[in-house]
Amino acid sequence: MHVTGTAPQPAPAPSESPAAPGAELRPGSKHARSFGLPVATALVMGNIIGGGIFLLPASIAPYGTVSLVAFGVLTVGAIALALVFGRLAARDPRTGGPYVYAREAFGDFAGFLAAWSYWITTWVSNAALAVAAVGYLDVLIPVGGHRWTACLAALALQWLPALANFAGTRYVGAVQLVSTVLKFVPLLLVAVGGLFFFDPDRLGPFNSSGQGAIGAVSASAALLLFSYLGVESAAVSAGEVRDARRNVGRATVIGTAGAALVYLLGTLSVFGTVPHDRLVASTAPFSDAVNTMFGGGWGGTAVALAALVSMTGCLNGWTLLSAQTPYAAARDGLFPSAFTRRRRGVPTVGVGVTVVLASLLTVYNYSSGSGRVFEVLVLVTTFTATVPYLLAAAAQIFHLVAGRSESVDRARLVRDCVVTAVAAVFSVWLMAGAGYAAVYQGVLFLFAGIIVYAVMAARRQRTRTSAAGAP
């Protein structure tokens, strides 16, 4: 997952100011077409690499090293999605990403589902990030000994960034800058330095999940998708990318491949430095890896502090992002108008609603008695995030079958069909891998959105009827 973030409609990085979904920036406006290929690539890579990676090595360790195979499969699927986003952006280079593509191809309801499901992804991600941060906070201050102590710490880690957001975007940006720099310190230290301390005997069994290899790959990939959220970043902010028809696809593929390399090296280093039995129970795997590398002491504590600051920065950015999502959709009349209220550049109603929802979800999952709260929350985001991804793939299928593709030759058409089919199958496969508990919670959230859409559609219809009947 990303330090800054993506949007649902989606929106650009939380540290940026996204345009309303589907709305192009006016020529000559201050931010119009302000990103070149290098910046767009950095946006994708920076948004993908975030706080989730700091706990994921421990989360996938129970599956064994087969999860490294899942990394490879997931990277192929993510790149297929990246290519689909690039082709869709070439057709329609407007800000909004999956929201724009689904709405343009299938109408308001599909656009609403893309926006709604990604909004769910943002605030569920906040809950998951807070739970992950508690593990590193426990290295500094013992808070994880009792589940309710850990729950209160997770709630505090959600509300502090929310208060920073209420103070205005200036403070959000300052926190974001510091956390973005600090997040790379433990990642690069372990990803590169850990290779010098790598011991194959610490890797553990290839498949320790108790299920078949295919099932283990599917289940671990569903967890790992959390760290790949952000692949759509360049498409989401296409309206601000110079030569978007050409650069969005290239930036998305290059950024995704670069993030995948960092992730794979980091996870492989943790697997090879922390013994498997310790890694399975770890709440701060990167700190444990550094302690193993340097014999304990200050190294693990310093990494824990850097990871905690990084994840707090992620929460800071994602809190703003989760508020920008309903704000942008509300401007299109698909979310309640209250979400358009802003103060000092921040949609305050959105911040308040999303932090309350994330807090309630955190309390619910801790009170359920599950010992793997982070994993449950991550899998919920896997389900909700794949909804807009699948809708984007379906939109590309629609254009290809309808003959509305920009392909200029048969070879390009065949390649687009194959890539789109891979992206669609990949999205469905990830939904299946999320598991029953996560799909159950995700479907409940998704179906609640249908009621919201019905109310908003009725209001729009009443407004149109009133306007038509006015003298």
Protein backbone atom coordinates (compact mmCIF):
# COMPACT_ATOMS: atom_id res chain seq x y z
CA MET A 1 0.00 0.00 0.00
CA HIS A 2 1.05 3.56 -0.51
CA VAL A 3 2.25 6.40 1.46
CA THR A 4 0.25 8.82 -0.40
CA GLY A 5 -2.55 7.14 -2.14
CA THR A 6 -4.94 6.63 -4.91
CA ALA A 7 -8.46 7.48 -5.28
CA PRO A 8 -11.58 5.73 -5.84
CA GLN A 9 -13.15 7.61 -8.25
CA PRO A 10 -10.12 7.37 -7.36
CA ALA A 11 -8.08 10.39 -6.63
CA PRO A 12 -4.43 11.29 -6.87
CA ALA A 13 -2.01 11.13 -4.03
CA PRO A 14 -3.34 12.46 -0.79
CA SER A 15 -0.64 15.04 -0.80
CA GLU A 16 -2.03 16.37 -4.04
CA SER A 17 -5.29 18.10 -4.73
CA PRO A 18 -7.33 15.85 -6.99
CA ALA A 19 -9.83 17.09 -9.46
CA ALA A 20 -13.36 15.89 -9.39
CA PRO A 21 -13.81 12.51 -11.00
CA GLY A 22 -14.13 12.73 -14.68
CA ALA A 23 -13.34 16.41 -14.71
CA GLU A 24 -10.45 17.54 -16.84
CA LEU A 25 -8.39 20.46 -15.72
CA ARG A 26 -8.89 23.49 -17.88
CA PRO A 27 -6.14 24.37 -20.33
CA GLY A 28 -3.89 26.96 -18.83
CA SER A 29 -4.95 26.20 -15.27
CA LYS A 30 -2.23 26.15 -12.66
CA HIS A 31 -1.89 22.37 -12.47
CA ALA A 32 -2.89 21.36 -15.99
CA ARG A 33 -0.65 18.66 -17.48
CA SER A 34 1.99 19.34 -14.80
CA PHE A 35 3.46 15.82 -14.60
CA GLY A 36 5.99 14.43 -17.04
CA LEU A 37 6.95 10.76 -17.29
CA PRO A 38 9.52 10.81 -14.42
CA VAL A 39 7.11 12.48 -11.97
CA ALA A 40 4.21 10.26 -13.03
CA THR A 41 6.41 7.18 -12.52
CA ALA A 42 7.49 8.45 -9.10
CA LEU A 43 3.83 9.04 -8.23
CA VAL A 44 2.96 5.42 -9.04
CA MET A 45 5.95 3.96 -7.23
CA GLY A 46 5.57 6.27 -4.23
CA ASN A 47 1.87 5.50 -3.92
CA ILE A 48 2.37 1.75 -4.15
CA ILE A 49 5.21 1.60 -1.62
CA GLY A 50 3.77 2.43 1.77
CA GLY A 51 3.08 1.20 5.27
CA GLY A 52 1.55 -2.20 4.59
CA ILE A 53 4.86 -3.77 3.57
CA PHE A 54 6.20 -3.36 7.12
CA LEU A 55 3.93 -6.13 8.46
CA LEU A 56 3.21 -8.21 5.35
CA PRO A 57 6.32 -10.47 5.57
CA ALA A 58 4.98 -11.80 8.88
CA SER A 59 1.44 -12.04 7.49
CA ILE A 60 2.45 -14.24 4.56
CA ALA A 61 5.08 -16.25 6.48
CA PRO A 62 2.53 -18.91 7.56
CA TYR A 63 2.16 -19.87 3.90
CA GLY A 64 5.90 -20.49 3.51
CA THR A 65 8.17 -19.43 0.69
CA VAL A 66 5.39 -20.27 -1.77
CA SER A 67 4.29 -16.69 -1.02
CA LEU A 68 7.33 -15.50 -2.97
CA VAL A 69 5.82 -17.26 -5.97
CA ALA A 70 2.63 -15.32 -5.21
CA PHE A 71 4.71 -12.13 -5.43
CA GLY A 72 5.70 -13.07 -8.97
CA VAL A 73 2.14 -13.96 -10.02
CA LEU A 74 0.81 -10.80 -8.41
CA THR A 75 3.38 -8.68 -10.23
CA VAL A 76 2.34 -10.15 -13.59
CA GLY A 77 -1.33 -9.44 -12.80
CA ALA A 78 -0.54 -5.93 -11.57
CA ILE A 79 1.39 -5.16 -14.75
CA ALA A 80 -1.54 -6.48 -16.82
CA LEU A 81 -3.79 -4.07 -14.93
CA ALA A 82 -1.24 -1.32 -15.50
CA LEU A 83 -1.36 -1.95 -19.24
CA VAL A 84 -5.17 -1.90 -19.19
CA PHE A 85 -5.14 1.44 -17.37
CA GLY A 86 -2.68 2.74 -19.94
CA ARG A 87 -4.93 1.76 -22.86
CA LEU A 88 -8.01 3.24 -21.16
CA ALA A 89 -6.13 6.46 -20.41
CA ALA A 90 -5.12 6.63 -24.08
CA ARG A 91 -8.83 6.60 -24.96
CA ASP A 92 -9.96 8.94 -22.21
CA PRO A 93 -7.13 10.93 -20.56
CA ARG A 94 -9.28 12.52 -17.86
CA THR A 95 -8.67 12.56 -14.12
CA GLY A 96 -10.58 9.82 -12.31
CA GLY A 97 -9.20 6.45 -13.36
CA PRO A 98 -11.57 3.46 -12.86
CA TYR A 99 -14.40 5.79 -11.88
CA VAL A 100 -14.25 7.56 -15.25
CA TYR A 101 -13.81 4.36 -17.25
CA ALA A 102 -16.68 2.51 -15.58
CA ARG A 103 -19.05 5.48 -15.73
CA GLU A 104 -18.28 6.25 -19.37
CA ALA A 105 -18.75 2.62 -20.44
CA PHE A 106 -21.65 1.51 -18.24
CA GLY A 107 -23.31 4.60 -16.76
CA ASP A 108 -23.76 6.22 -13.37
CA PHE A 109 -24.39 3.05 -11.37
CA ALA A 110 -21.14 1.40 -12.43
CA GLY A 111 -19.29 4.65 -11.77
CA PHE A 112 -20.86 4.84 -8.33
CA LEU A 113 -19.82 1.26 -7.53
CA ALA A 114 -16.23 2.05 -8.55
CA ALA A 115 -16.19 5.16 -6.35
CA TRP A 116 -18.02 3.52 -3.43
CA SER A 117 -15.89 0.37 -3.34
CA TYR A 118 -12.67 2.34 -3.54
CA TRP A 119 -13.85 4.64 -0.78
CA ILE A 120 -14.39 1.55 1.36
CA THR A 121 -10.87 0.45 0.45
CA THR A 122 -9.39 3.73 1.71
CA TRP A 123 -10.91 3.73 5.19
CA VAL A 124 -10.55 -0.02 5.71
CA SER A 125 -6.90 0.49 4.72
CA ASN A 126 -6.66 3.12 7.44
CA ALA A 127 -7.85 0.58 10.01
CA ALA A 128 -5.37 -2.02 8.72
CA LEU A 129 -2.47 0.45 8.74
CA ALA A 130 -3.23 1.48 12.32
CA VAL A 131 -3.22 -2.17 13.42
CA ALA A 132 0.12 -2.70 11.63
CA ALA A 133 1.58 0.42 13.27
CA VAL A 134 0.68 -0.90 16.72
CA GLY A 135 3.15 -3.76 16.18
CA TYR A 136 6.02 -1.31 15.73
CA LEU A 137 4.77 0.95 18.52
CA ASP A 138 4.98 -2.10 20.78
CA VAL A 139 8.76 -2.23 20.14
CA LEU A 140 9.02 1.28 21.59
CA ILE A 141 6.22 1.24 24.19
CA PRO A 142 4.65 -2.09 25.27
CA VAL A 143 1.01 -1.81 24.16
CA GLY A 144 0.34 -5.14 22.48
CA GLY A 145 0.07 -7.35 25.55
CA HIS A 146 -3.71 -7.00 25.76
CA ARG A 147 -6.05 -6.73 22.81
CA TRP A 148 -7.96 -3.74 24.20
CA THR A 149 -4.74 -1.85 24.89
CA ALA A 150 -3.72 -2.58 21.31
CA CYS A 151 -7.18 -1.50 20.12
CA LEU A 152 -6.93 1.85 21.95
CA ALA A 153 -3.46 2.41 20.46
CA ALA A 154 -4.82 1.67 16.96
CA LEU A 155 -7.67 4.14 17.50
CA ALA A 156 -5.22 6.83 18.68
CA LEU A 157 -3.09 6.26 15.57
CA GLN A 158 -6.18 6.86 13.42
CA TRP A 159 -7.45 9.96 15.20
CA LEU A 160 -4.15 11.85 15.41
CA PRO A 161 -3.81 12.05 11.59
CA ALA A 162 -7.49 12.98 11.42
CA LEU A 163 -6.83 15.95 13.73
CA ALA A 164 -3.87 16.94 11.53
CA ASN A 165 -6.22 16.87 8.54
CA PHE A 166 -8.71 19.10 10.30
CA ALA A 167 -5.86 21.60 10.75
CA GLY A 168 -5.55 21.94 6.97
CA THR A 169 -3.66 20.62 3.96
CA ARG A 170 -0.52 22.60 4.85
CA TYR A 171 0.06 20.38 7.89
CA VAL A 172 -0.89 17.25 5.97
CA GLY A 173 1.78 18.02 3.37
CA ALA A 174 4.49 18.63 5.98
CA VAL A 175 3.84 15.29 7.70
CA GLN A 176 3.67 13.58 4.32
CA LEU A 177 7.09 14.87 3.25
CA VAL A 178 8.86 13.65 6.39
CA SER A 179 7.17 10.24 6.38
CA THR A 180 7.87 9.70 2.67
CA VAL A 181 11.62 10.14 3.25
CA LEU A 182 11.70 8.00 6.39
CA LYS A 183 9.78 5.09 4.89
CA PHE A 184 12.65 4.25 2.54
CA VAL A 185 15.24 4.01 5.33
CA PRO A 186 14.14 0.65 6.83
CA LEU A 187 13.02 -0.68 3.43
CA LEU A 188 16.36 -0.08 1.73
CA LEU A 189 18.35 -1.11 4.81
CA VAL A 190 16.65 -4.49 4.94
CA ALA A 191 16.15 -4.97 1.17
CA VAL A 192 19.83 -4.35 0.36
CA GLY A 193 21.68 -4.97 3.63
CA GLY A 194 19.68 -8.10 4.43
CA LEU A 195 21.05 -9.87 1.36
CA PHE A 196 24.51 -9.90 3.02
CA PHE A 197 23.06 -11.72 6.05
CA PHE A 198 20.83 -14.06 4.07
CA ASP A 199 20.69 -17.65 5.35
CA PRO A 200 18.65 -20.16 3.28
CA ASP A 201 18.14 -22.33 6.37
CA ARG A 202 15.92 -19.61 7.86
CA LEU A 203 13.46 -19.63 4.96
CA GLY A 204 11.33 -22.41 6.38
CA PRO A 205 9.22 -24.87 4.33
CA PHE A 206 8.08 -24.10 0.81
CA ASN A 207 4.39 -24.58 1.67
CA SER A 208 3.41 -24.60 5.33
CA SER A 209 -0.21 -23.55 4.82
CA GLY A 210 -1.76 -27.01 4.98
CA GLN A 211 -3.45 -26.50 1.60
CA GLY A 212 -2.42 -27.11 -1.99
CA ALA A 213 0.21 -24.97 -3.65
CA ILE A 214 -2.34 -23.19 -5.87
CA GLY A 215 -4.55 -22.39 -2.89
CA ALA A 216 -1.57 -21.12 -0.90
CA VAL A 217 -0.46 -18.88 -3.78
CA SER A 218 -3.99 -17.52 -4.15
CA ALA A 219 -4.43 -16.83 -0.42
CA SER A 220 -1.03 -15.17 0.01
CA ALA A 221 -1.51 -13.10 -3.16
CA ALA A 222 -4.81 -11.78 -1.76
CA LEU A 223 -2.89 -10.51 1.27
CA LEU A 224 -0.08 -9.10 -0.85
CA LEU A 225 -2.42 -7.07 -3.04
CA PHE A 226 -2.71 -4.64 -0.12
CA SER A 227 0.88 -3.58 -0.78
CA TYR A 228 0.19 -3.10 -4.50
CA LEU A 229 -2.73 -0.70 -4.14
CA GLY A 230 -1.73 2.38 -6.08
CA VAL A 231 -1.10 0.77 -9.45
CA GLU A 232 -3.84 3.03 -10.81
CA SER A 233 -2.23 6.27 -9.56
CA ALA A 234 -1.12 7.64 -12.94
CA ALA A 235 -4.49 6.80 -14.52
CA VAL A 236 -6.30 8.45 -11.62
CA SER A 237 -4.36 11.68 -12.10
CA ALA A 238 -4.23 11.43 -15.92
CA GLY A 239 -5.66 14.92 -16.28
CA GLU A 240 -2.45 16.29 -14.75
CA VAL A 241 -0.01 14.21 -16.82
CA ARG A 242 1.61 15.69 -19.91
CA ASP A 243 0.94 13.60 -22.99
CA ALA A 244 -1.29 11.35 -20.88
CA ARG A 245 -2.21 9.09 -23.80
CA ARG A 246 1.43 8.02 -24.02
CA ASN A 247 2.87 8.55 -20.53
CA VAL A 248 0.19 7.08 -18.25
CA GLY A 249 0.72 3.53 -19.47
CA ARG A 250 4.52 3.79 -19.41
CA ALA A 251 4.61 5.37 -15.94
CA THR A 252 2.22 2.76 -14.58
CA VAL A 253 4.24 -0.20 -15.85
CA ILE A 254 7.64 1.22 -14.84
CA GLY A 255 6.41 2.32 -11.40
CA THR A 256 4.73 -1.02 -10.72
CA ALA A 257 7.83 -2.99 -11.75
CA GLY A 258 10.08 -0.78 -9.60
CA ALA A 259 7.85 -1.17 -6.53
CA ALA A 260 7.67 -4.92 -7.12
CA LEU A 261 11.48 -5.13 -7.09
CA VAL A 262 11.73 -3.26 -3.76
CA TYR A 263 8.99 -5.42 -2.26
CA LEU A 264 10.46 -8.70 -3.43
CA LEU A 265 13.98 -7.87 -2.20
CA GLY A 266 12.64 -6.62 1.15
CA THR A 267 10.44 -9.66 1.75
CA LEU A 268 13.14 -12.10 0.61
CA SER A 269 15.66 -10.44 2.95
CA VAL A 270 13.28 -10.67 5.91
CA PHE A 271 12.56 -14.33 5.11
CA GLY A 272 16.31 -15.04 4.95
CA THR A 273 17.31 -13.19 8.14
CA VAL A 274 14.48 -13.94 10.59
CA PRO A 275 13.94 -17.64 11.40
CA HIS A 276 10.58 -18.86 10.08
CA ASP A 277 9.10 -19.77 13.48
CA ARG A 278 9.92 -16.30 14.83
CA LEU A 279 8.69 -14.54 11.70
CA VAL A 280 5.25 -16.18 11.86
CA ALA A 281 4.67 -14.64 15.31
CA SER A 282 6.40 -11.31 14.63
CA THR A 283 4.56 -8.00 14.96
CA ALA A 284 7.55 -5.98 13.69
CA PRO A 285 9.37 -8.12 11.08
CA PHE A 286 11.66 -5.37 9.78
CA SER A 287 12.86 -4.57 13.32
CA ASP A 288 13.43 -8.27 13.93
CA ALA A 289 15.42 -8.48 10.68
CA VAL A 290 17.69 -5.57 11.65
CA ASN A 291 18.17 -6.99 15.15
CA THR A 292 19.23 -10.30 13.58
CA MET A 293 21.59 -8.52 11.18
CA PHE A 294 23.32 -6.39 13.84
CA GLY A 295 22.83 -8.44 16.99
CA GLY A 296 20.00 -6.46 18.56
CA GLY A 297 20.29 -3.11 20.30
CA TRP A 298 19.49 0.23 18.77
CA GLY A 299 19.06 -0.97 15.16
CA GLY A 300 15.68 -2.64 15.61
CA THR A 301 14.41 0.27 17.72
CA ALA A 302 15.50 2.82 15.12
CA VAL A 303 13.80 0.83 12.36
CA ALA A 304 10.64 0.56 14.47
CA LEU A 305 10.62 4.34 14.95
CA ALA A 306 11.13 4.97 11.21
CA ALA A 307 8.43 2.43 10.32
CA LEU A 308 6.03 3.95 12.84
CA VAL A 309 6.57 7.46 11.45
CA SER A 310 6.14 6.11 7.92
CA MET A 311 2.87 4.35 8.71
CA THR A 312 1.58 7.40 10.57
CA GLY A 313 2.36 9.37 7.42
CA CYS A 314 0.44 6.82 5.39
CA LEU A 315 -2.52 7.27 7.71
CA ASN A 316 -2.14 11.03 7.37
CA GLY A 317 -2.30 10.86 3.58
CA TRP A 318 -4.96 8.15 3.38
CA THR A 319 -7.20 10.03 5.80
CA LEU A 320 -7.20 12.96 3.38
CA LEU A 321 -7.60 10.59 0.44
CA SER A 322 -10.56 8.82 2.00
CA ALA A 323 -12.21 12.20 2.45
CA GLN A 324 -11.41 13.35 -1.09
CA THR A 325 -13.09 10.28 -2.54
CA PRO A 326 -16.65 11.05 -1.40
CA TYR A 327 -15.97 14.76 -1.97
CA ALA A 328 -15.21 14.15 -5.65
CA ALA A 329 -18.16 11.78 -6.11
CA ALA A 330 -20.47 14.21 -4.30
CA ARG A 331 -19.55 16.91 -6.81
CA ASP A 332 -20.91 14.60 -9.51
CA GLY A 333 -24.10 14.09 -7.50
CA LEU A 334 -23.34 10.44 -6.66
CA PHE A 335 -22.60 10.97 -2.95
CA PRO A 336 -24.53 13.13 -0.44
CA SER A 337 -23.79 16.83 -0.87
CA ALA A 338 -22.59 17.14 2.74
CA PHE A 339 -19.31 15.55 1.63
CA THR A 340 -18.48 18.65 -0.46
CA ARG A 341 -17.98 20.81 2.64
CA ARG A 342 -14.38 21.93 2.95
CA ARG A 343 -12.27 23.84 5.45
CA ARG A 344 -8.70 24.93 4.71
CA GLY A 345 -8.66 22.70 1.66
CA VAL A 346 -9.82 19.59 3.56
CA PRO A 347 -13.26 17.95 3.10
CA THR A 348 -14.00 17.94 6.83
CA VAL A 349 -17.21 15.91 6.69
CA GLY A 350 -15.40 13.21 4.76
CA VAL A 351 -12.56 13.13 7.29
CA GLY A 352 -14.99 12.84 10.18
CA VAL A 353 -17.15 10.14 8.60
CA THR A 354 -14.27 8.00 7.39
CA VAL A 355 -12.29 8.09 10.65
CA VAL A 356 -15.43 7.11 12.58
CA LEU A 357 -16.11 4.22 10.20
CA ALA A 358 -12.49 3.04 10.37
CA SER A 359 -12.61 3.24 14.17
CA LEU A 360 -15.82 1.22 14.37
CA LEU A 361 -14.36 -1.41 12.06
CA THR A 362 -11.19 -1.57 14.19
CA VAL A 363 -13.19 -2.07 17.40
CA TYR A 364 -15.38 -4.71 15.74
CA ASN A 365 -12.44 -6.77 14.55
CA TYR A 366 -10.60 -6.56 17.88
CA SER A 367 -13.77 -7.45 19.79
CA SER A 368 -14.32 -10.48 17.57
CA GLY A 369 -11.35 -12.09 19.29
CA SER A 370 -9.41 -12.76 16.09
CA GLY A 371 -5.68 -12.97 16.60
CA ARG A 372 -5.05 -11.82 13.02
CA VAL A 373 -6.88 -8.51 12.83
CA PHE A 374 -4.47 -7.04 10.27
CA GLU A 375 -4.94 -9.96 7.88
CA VAL A 376 -8.74 -9.77 8.05
CA LEU A 377 -8.75 -6.05 7.32
CA VAL A 378 -6.24 -6.44 4.49
CA LEU A 379 -8.36 -9.11 2.83
CA VAL A 380 -11.43 -6.85 3.03
CA THR A 381 -9.48 -4.22 1.08
CA THR A 382 -8.48 -6.89 -1.43
CA PHE A 383 -12.13 -7.56 -2.18
CA THR A 384 -13.21 -3.92 -2.33
CA ALA A 385 -10.17 -2.78 -4.35
CA THR A 386 -10.67 -5.44 -7.01
CA VAL A 387 -14.20 -4.16 -7.73
CA PRO A 388 -13.01 -0.97 -9.50
CA TYR A 389 -10.13 -2.92 -11.03
CA LEU A 390 -12.57 -5.45 -12.48
CA LEU A 391 -14.88 -2.66 -13.69
CA ALA A 392 -11.93 -1.02 -15.47
CA ALA A 393 -11.03 -4.33 -17.14
CA ALA A 394 -14.69 -4.79 -18.10
CA ALA A 395 -14.74 -1.30 -19.62
CA GLN A 396 -11.75 -2.21 -21.79
CA ILE A 397 -13.46 -5.46 -22.82
CA PHE A 398 -16.52 -3.40 -23.75
CA HIS A 399 -14.48 -1.11 -25.99
CA LEU A 400 -12.63 -4.01 -27.61
CA VAL A 401 -15.78 -6.01 -28.35
CA ALA A 402 -17.69 -2.93 -29.47
CA GLY A 403 -14.88 -2.05 -31.85
CA ARG A 404 -14.12 1.22 -30.05
CA SER A 405 -10.51 0.40 -29.27
CA GLU A 406 -7.74 2.74 -30.35
CA SER A 407 -5.84 -0.25 -31.75
CA VAL A 408 -4.52 0.43 -35.24
CA ASP A 409 -3.57 -3.09 -36.24
CA ARG A 410 -4.55 -6.69 -35.63
CA ALA A 411 -1.43 -7.47 -33.59
CA ARG A 412 -2.22 -4.63 -31.16
CA LEU A 413 -5.84 -5.77 -30.94
CA VAL A 414 -4.82 -9.35 -30.11
CA ARG A 415 -2.32 -8.12 -27.52
CA ASP A 416 -4.94 -5.87 -25.91
CA CYS A 417 -7.42 -8.75 -25.76
CA VAL A 418 -4.91 -11.08 -24.09
CA VAL A 419 -3.72 -8.47 -21.56
CA THR A 420 -7.29 -7.45 -20.70
CA ALA A 421 -8.33 -11.09 -20.24
CA VAL A 422 -5.39 -11.62 -17.87
CA ALA A 423 -6.32 -8.50 -15.88
CA ALA A 424 -9.98 -9.57 -15.60
CA VAL A 425 -9.17 -13.15 -14.57
CA PHE A 426 -6.57 -11.83 -12.14
CA SER A 427 -9.15 -9.56 -10.47
CA VAL A 428 -11.67 -12.38 -10.08
CA TRP A 429 -8.95 -14.70 -8.77
CA LEU A 430 -7.98 -12.18 -6.09
CA MET A 431 -11.61 -11.89 -4.97
CA ALA A 432 -11.72 -15.67 -4.58
CA GLY A 433 -8.46 -15.65 -2.64
CA ALA A 434 -9.73 -13.08 -0.14
CA GLY A 435 -11.69 -15.78 1.70
CA TYR A 436 -15.21 -16.02 3.06
CA ALA A 437 -14.84 -13.74 6.10
CA ALA A 438 -13.37 -10.86 4.10
CA VAL A 439 -15.84 -11.27 1.22
CA TYR A 440 -18.68 -11.34 3.75
CA GLN A 441 -17.68 -8.01 5.29
CA GLY A 442 -16.82 -6.52 1.90
CA VAL A 443 -20.16 -7.51 0.35
CA LEU A 444 -22.06 -5.99 3.28
CA PHE A 445 -20.24 -2.69 2.76
CA LEU A 446 -20.78 -2.86 -1.00
CA PHE A 447 -24.50 -3.62 -0.73
CA ALA A 448 -24.99 -0.75 1.71
CA GLY A 449 -23.81 1.48 -1.13
CA ILE A 450 -26.70 0.33 -3.32
CA ILE A 451 -29.11 1.89 -0.82
CA VAL A 452 -27.14 5.13 -0.90
CA TYR A 453 -27.20 5.12 -4.70
CA ALA A 454 -30.97 4.54 -4.73
CA VAL A 455 -31.54 7.57 -2.49
CA MET A 456 -29.19 9.78 -4.53
CA ALA A 457 -30.72 8.65 -7.84
CA ALA A 458 -34.21 9.39 -6.51
CA ARG A 459 -33.13 12.89 -5.47
CA ARG A 460 -31.63 13.58 -8.89
CA GLN A 461 -34.79 12.34 -10.58
CA ARG A 462 -36.97 14.53 -8.35
CA THR A 463 -34.76 17.54 -9.11
CA ARG A 464 -35.02 16.93 -12.87
CA THR A 465 -38.79 16.47 -12.64
CA SER A 466 -39.18 19.68 -10.66
CA ALA A 467 -37.01 21.57 -13.14
CA ALA A 468 -38.99 20.21 -16.09
CA GLY A 469 -42.29 21.22 -14.50
CA ALA A 470 -41.15 24.70 -13.54
CA PRO A 471 -42.75 27.50 -15.56
